[in-house]
Amino acid sequence: MRKARQAVLELAGREVVITNPDNNLAVTKAGFVLQIDAPDLAMERVPLFQDMSDMEYAKLVDQHVAALNKALEGIPADRVRLHVCWGNWEGPHVHDVAMEVILPALYQANVGALGLEFANPRRQHESAALRKYKLPDKLILIPGVIDPKSNVVEHPEVVAQRIETVVAAVGDCERVIAGVDCGFGTFVGWEWVTEDVVWAKLATLRAGADIASKRLWSMKVAGAHLRAPATAKSNG
């Protein structure tokens, strides 16, 4: 573990880019959106850097993001999204770094969308971080509103309320796309959730998003009507 920690520190200090920019560019040129899976930006705090202060860890994440931006040079930001999570394992997660500690650094990534956890019991309160550090206009948020570590299928209304909480913090329903906290099958042969439940969870994700969309768009339309200027009456 000490060797892994030292390797991370050395790479971050030199801003070494170990991803292949040509491959990244090829993905987007083929018409796909490139997703960067970087759970380490949040997760590394637990196995490697529990002794760091929040400020020290935030600086380390800054260095990681700077290296990532080098790997993304020449790629339009709106063709890239960044997924960050706190580890897809069913554990206590009591040493997880708070979202507000790393959020300013994540906002510096040259991407068009940012995926973060909001569904599992250790992350359900994190909309407060979004209120403290407002989502930049350049970014779309993909909040996790389904927990991939539990075989309990969320009720669609629970999903809808989670979406609405995040939208309220962001302030714009058009920049929020509902998602899952993390992948259901991070490693081959090591899944927390059975396949039939995975599909049930994805179905409830869609159902909850439909409920939230209907309510949020109704509110947006109603708000637009309220803000519309009154039409002047003719004197004729």
Protein backbone atom coordinates (compact mmCIF):
# COMPACT_ATOMS: atom_id res chain seq x y z
CA MET A 1 0.00 0.00 0.00
CA ARG A 2 2.89 2.38 0.78
CA LYS A 3 4.36 1.73 -2.69
CA ALA A 4 1.02 2.50 -4.32
CA ARG A 5 0.73 5.72 -2.34
CA GLN A 6 4.23 6.83 -3.33
CA ALA A 7 3.58 6.04 -6.99
CA VAL A 8 0.42 8.17 -6.96
CA LEU A 9 2.24 11.08 -5.34
CA GLU A 10 5.12 10.91 -7.81
CA LEU A 11 2.83 10.76 -10.84
CA ALA A 12 0.68 13.60 -9.57
CA GLY A 13 3.72 15.71 -8.77
CA ARG A 14 5.07 15.35 -12.30
CA GLU A 15 1.60 15.59 -13.88
CA VAL A 16 2.41 12.49 -15.89
CA VAL A 17 -0.30 11.63 -18.38
CA ILE A 18 -0.69 7.87 -18.68
CA THR A 19 -3.77 7.89 -20.88
CA ASN A 20 -3.41 8.00 -24.66
CA PRO A 21 -4.66 11.32 -26.11
CA ASP A 22 -4.85 9.81 -29.60
CA ASN A 23 -7.19 7.07 -28.40
CA ASN A 24 -9.33 9.60 -26.56
CA LEU A 25 -9.62 11.73 -29.69
CA ALA A 26 -10.46 8.69 -31.83
CA VAL A 27 -13.43 7.88 -29.58
CA THR A 28 -14.95 11.33 -30.02
CA LYS A 29 -14.17 11.51 -33.74
CA ALA A 30 -16.11 8.26 -34.17
CA GLY A 31 -19.15 10.06 -32.81
CA PHE A 32 -19.11 8.69 -29.28
CA VAL A 33 -19.05 10.54 -25.99
CA LEU A 34 -15.87 9.76 -24.08
CA GLN A 35 -16.45 8.87 -20.43
CA ILE A 36 -13.52 9.17 -18.06
CA ASP A 37 -14.04 6.86 -15.08
CA ALA A 38 -12.01 8.38 -12.26
CA PRO A 39 -13.25 6.95 -8.95
CA ASP A 40 -9.75 7.51 -7.59
CA LEU A 41 -10.39 11.26 -7.37
CA ALA A 42 -12.67 10.57 -4.39
CA MET A 43 -11.94 6.96 -3.46
CA GLU A 44 -8.15 7.23 -2.99
CA ARG A 45 -8.66 9.12 0.25
CA VAL A 46 -9.71 5.86 1.99
CA PRO A 47 -6.99 3.34 1.02
CA LEU A 48 -4.04 5.71 0.56
CA PHE A 49 -4.47 9.16 2.10
CA GLN A 50 -6.48 9.04 5.31
CA ASP A 51 -3.65 10.90 7.05
CA MET A 52 -3.96 13.92 4.74
CA SER A 53 -5.92 17.00 5.73
CA ASP A 54 -8.84 18.02 3.54
CA MET A 55 -6.74 20.84 2.10
CA GLU A 56 -3.85 18.52 1.26
CA TYR A 57 -6.13 16.00 -0.42
CA ALA A 58 -7.91 18.72 -2.39
CA LYS A 59 -4.51 19.85 -3.70
CA LEU A 60 -3.75 16.29 -4.80
CA VAL A 61 -7.06 16.13 -6.69
CA ASP A 62 -6.15 19.45 -8.33
CA GLN A 63 -2.97 17.84 -9.64
CA HIS A 64 -4.87 14.82 -10.94
CA VAL A 65 -7.35 17.05 -12.77
CA ALA A 66 -4.51 19.08 -14.31
CA ALA A 67 -3.00 15.86 -15.66
CA LEU A 68 -6.38 14.74 -16.96
CA ASN A 69 -6.83 18.04 -18.79
CA LYS A 70 -3.52 17.47 -20.58
CA ALA A 71 -4.80 14.11 -21.80
CA LEU A 72 -7.99 15.78 -23.07
CA GLU A 73 -6.28 18.55 -25.05
CA GLY A 74 -7.86 18.98 -28.48
CA ILE A 75 -11.11 17.25 -27.52
CA PRO A 76 -14.27 19.37 -27.26
CA ALA A 77 -15.43 19.45 -23.66
CA ASP A 78 -19.02 18.69 -24.64
CA ARG A 79 -17.87 15.31 -25.99
CA VAL A 80 -16.45 14.22 -22.61
CA ARG A 81 -18.01 13.35 -19.29
CA LEU A 82 -16.24 12.57 -16.02
CA HIS A 83 -17.47 9.96 -13.53
CA VAL A 84 -16.26 10.27 -9.94
CA CYS A 85 -17.33 8.01 -7.09
CA TRP A 86 -16.33 6.83 -3.64
CA GLY A 87 -15.88 3.17 -4.48
CA ASN A 88 -18.36 0.54 -5.56
CA TRP A 89 -18.09 -1.74 -2.57
CA GLU A 90 -20.58 -2.53 0.16
CA GLY A 91 -18.69 -1.18 3.16
CA PRO A 92 -18.99 1.43 5.93
CA HIS A 93 -17.47 4.32 3.90
CA VAL A 94 -17.00 6.26 7.14
CA HIS A 95 -13.66 7.67 5.98
CA ASP A 96 -14.95 9.01 2.65
CA VAL A 97 -13.89 12.53 1.76
CA ALA A 98 -16.77 15.00 1.70
CA MET A 99 -17.94 16.09 -1.73
CA GLU A 100 -17.48 19.77 -0.90
CA VAL A 101 -13.74 19.18 -0.39
CA ILE A 102 -13.10 18.00 -3.94
CA LEU A 103 -15.92 19.67 -5.87
CA PRO A 104 -14.01 22.90 -6.74
CA ALA A 105 -11.19 20.81 -8.22
CA LEU A 106 -13.61 18.63 -10.21
CA TYR A 107 -15.17 21.75 -11.69
CA GLN A 108 -11.80 22.54 -13.30
CA ALA A 109 -11.92 19.43 -15.51
CA ASN A 110 -12.30 20.18 -19.22
CA VAL A 111 -15.44 18.10 -19.59
CA GLY A 112 -19.05 18.78 -20.44
CA ALA A 113 -20.69 16.58 -17.81
CA LEU A 114 -19.85 15.42 -14.31
CA GLY A 115 -21.26 12.26 -12.73
CA LEU A 116 -21.43 12.08 -8.92
CA GLU A 117 -23.05 9.93 -6.24
CA PHE A 118 -26.25 11.06 -4.51
CA ALA A 119 -28.15 7.80 -3.89
CA ASN A 120 -26.31 5.69 -1.33
CA PRO A 121 -26.68 6.37 2.41
CA ARG A 122 -23.32 8.18 2.69
CA ARG A 123 -24.02 10.57 -0.19
CA GLN A 124 -27.73 11.43 0.03
CA HIS A 125 -26.99 14.72 1.80
CA GLU A 126 -24.44 15.96 -0.74
CA SER A 127 -26.80 18.33 -2.54
CA ALA A 128 -25.60 20.76 0.14
CA ALA A 129 -22.22 20.77 -1.59
CA LEU A 130 -23.92 21.85 -4.82
CA ARG A 131 -25.56 24.73 -3.01
CA LYS A 132 -22.23 25.79 -1.52
CA TYR A 133 -20.31 25.45 -4.79
CA LYS A 134 -22.67 26.17 -7.68
CA LEU A 135 -22.39 24.03 -10.78
CA PRO A 136 -20.56 26.07 -13.48
CA ASP A 137 -22.64 27.02 -16.50
CA LYS A 138 -20.38 24.89 -18.71
CA LEU A 139 -21.33 21.66 -16.94
CA ILE A 140 -24.18 19.17 -17.01
CA LEU A 141 -24.61 17.14 -13.82
CA ILE A 142 -25.34 13.41 -13.89
CA PRO A 143 -26.43 12.64 -10.32
CA GLY A 144 -26.55 9.05 -9.17
CA VAL A 145 -30.11 8.48 -7.95
CA ILE A 146 -29.91 4.66 -7.92
CA ASP A 147 -27.68 2.71 -5.50
CA PRO A 148 -25.77 -0.06 -7.38
CA LYS A 149 -24.63 -1.73 -4.14
CA SER A 150 -28.10 -2.66 -2.84
CA ASN A 151 -30.60 -5.24 -4.07
CA VAL A 152 -33.46 -3.07 -2.82
CA VAL A 153 -35.25 -1.56 -5.82
CA GLU A 154 -35.93 2.12 -5.23
CA HIS A 155 -39.52 3.33 -5.52
CA PRO A 156 -39.98 5.63 -8.56
CA GLU A 157 -41.15 8.42 -6.25
CA VAL A 158 -37.91 8.13 -4.26
CA VAL A 159 -35.96 8.48 -7.51
CA ALA A 160 -38.08 11.47 -8.53
CA GLN A 161 -37.51 13.21 -5.20
CA ARG A 162 -33.76 12.63 -5.42
CA ILE A 163 -33.72 14.21 -8.87
CA GLU A 164 -35.79 17.15 -7.68
CA THR A 165 -33.46 17.74 -4.72
CA VAL A 166 -30.45 17.93 -7.02
CA VAL A 167 -32.26 20.15 -9.52
CA ALA A 168 -33.20 22.53 -6.70
CA ALA A 169 -29.51 22.78 -5.75
CA VAL A 170 -28.36 23.26 -9.35
CA GLY A 171 -31.18 25.64 -10.22
CA ASP A 172 -31.75 24.37 -13.76
CA CYS A 173 -33.59 21.17 -14.69
CA GLU A 174 -32.13 21.28 -18.21
CA ARG A 175 -28.63 20.62 -16.89
CA VAL A 176 -29.44 17.50 -14.85
CA ILE A 177 -29.53 13.96 -16.29
CA ALA A 178 -30.42 11.17 -13.85
CA GLY A 179 -28.00 8.27 -13.55
CA VAL A 180 -26.63 5.56 -11.25
CA ASP A 181 -24.05 6.10 -8.49
CA CYS A 182 -21.60 3.72 -10.17
CA GLY A 183 -21.50 0.62 -12.35
CA PHE A 184 -23.37 -2.52 -11.38
CA GLY A 185 -20.54 -4.79 -12.50
CA THR A 186 -17.20 -3.09 -11.89
CA PHE A 187 -15.24 -6.35 -12.00
CA VAL A 188 -16.00 -9.58 -13.89
CA GLY A 189 -17.65 -12.06 -11.56
CA TRP A 190 -17.94 -9.58 -8.69
CA GLU A 191 -21.34 -7.94 -8.61
CA TRP A 192 -23.32 -6.84 -5.57
CA VAL A 193 -26.68 -6.80 -7.37
CA THR A 194 -28.29 -9.70 -9.26
CA GLU A 195 -28.97 -9.21 -12.96
CA ASP A 196 -32.76 -9.21 -12.72
CA VAL A 197 -32.62 -6.57 -9.98
CA VAL A 198 -30.25 -4.46 -12.12
CA TRP A 199 -32.87 -4.29 -14.86
CA ALA A 200 -35.59 -3.51 -12.30
CA LYS A 201 -33.48 -0.66 -10.92
CA LEU A 202 -32.92 0.76 -14.40
CA ALA A 203 -36.66 0.57 -15.05
CA THR A 204 -37.40 2.48 -11.86
CA LEU A 205 -34.73 5.03 -12.83
CA ARG A 206 -36.69 5.73 -16.01
CA ALA A 207 -40.03 5.79 -14.18
CA GLY A 208 -38.72 8.17 -11.52
CA ALA A 209 -37.15 10.43 -14.13
CA ASP A 210 -40.48 10.60 -15.96
CA ILE A 211 -42.25 11.66 -12.75
CA ALA A 212 -39.64 14.29 -11.94
CA SER A 213 -39.55 15.60 -15.51
CA LYS A 214 -43.31 16.07 -15.59
CA ARG A 215 -43.31 18.01 -12.32
CA LEU A 216 -40.18 20.05 -13.03
CA TRP A 217 -41.22 21.07 -16.54
CA SER A 218 -44.68 22.00 -15.30
CA MET A 219 -43.06 24.29 -12.74
CA LYS A 220 -40.73 25.76 -15.38
CA VAL A 221 -43.60 26.52 -17.74
CA ALA A 222 -45.66 28.01 -14.93
CA GLY A 223 -42.69 30.15 -13.88
CA ALA A 224 -42.21 31.38 -17.44
CA HIS A 225 -45.84 32.47 -17.59
CA LEU A 226 -45.50 34.33 -14.31
CA ARG A 227 -42.39 36.16 -15.56
CA ALA A 228 -43.88 37.06 -18.96
CA PRO A 229 -44.42 40.82 -19.33
CA ALA A 230 -48.00 42.02 -19.46
CA THR A 231 -49.24 42.99 -22.92
CA ALA A 232 -50.00 46.70 -23.19
CA LYS A 233 -53.63 47.46 -23.97
CA SER A 234 -54.39 49.45 -27.07
CA ASN A 235 -55.99 52.88 -26.63
CA GLY A 236 -57.82 52.44 -29.94
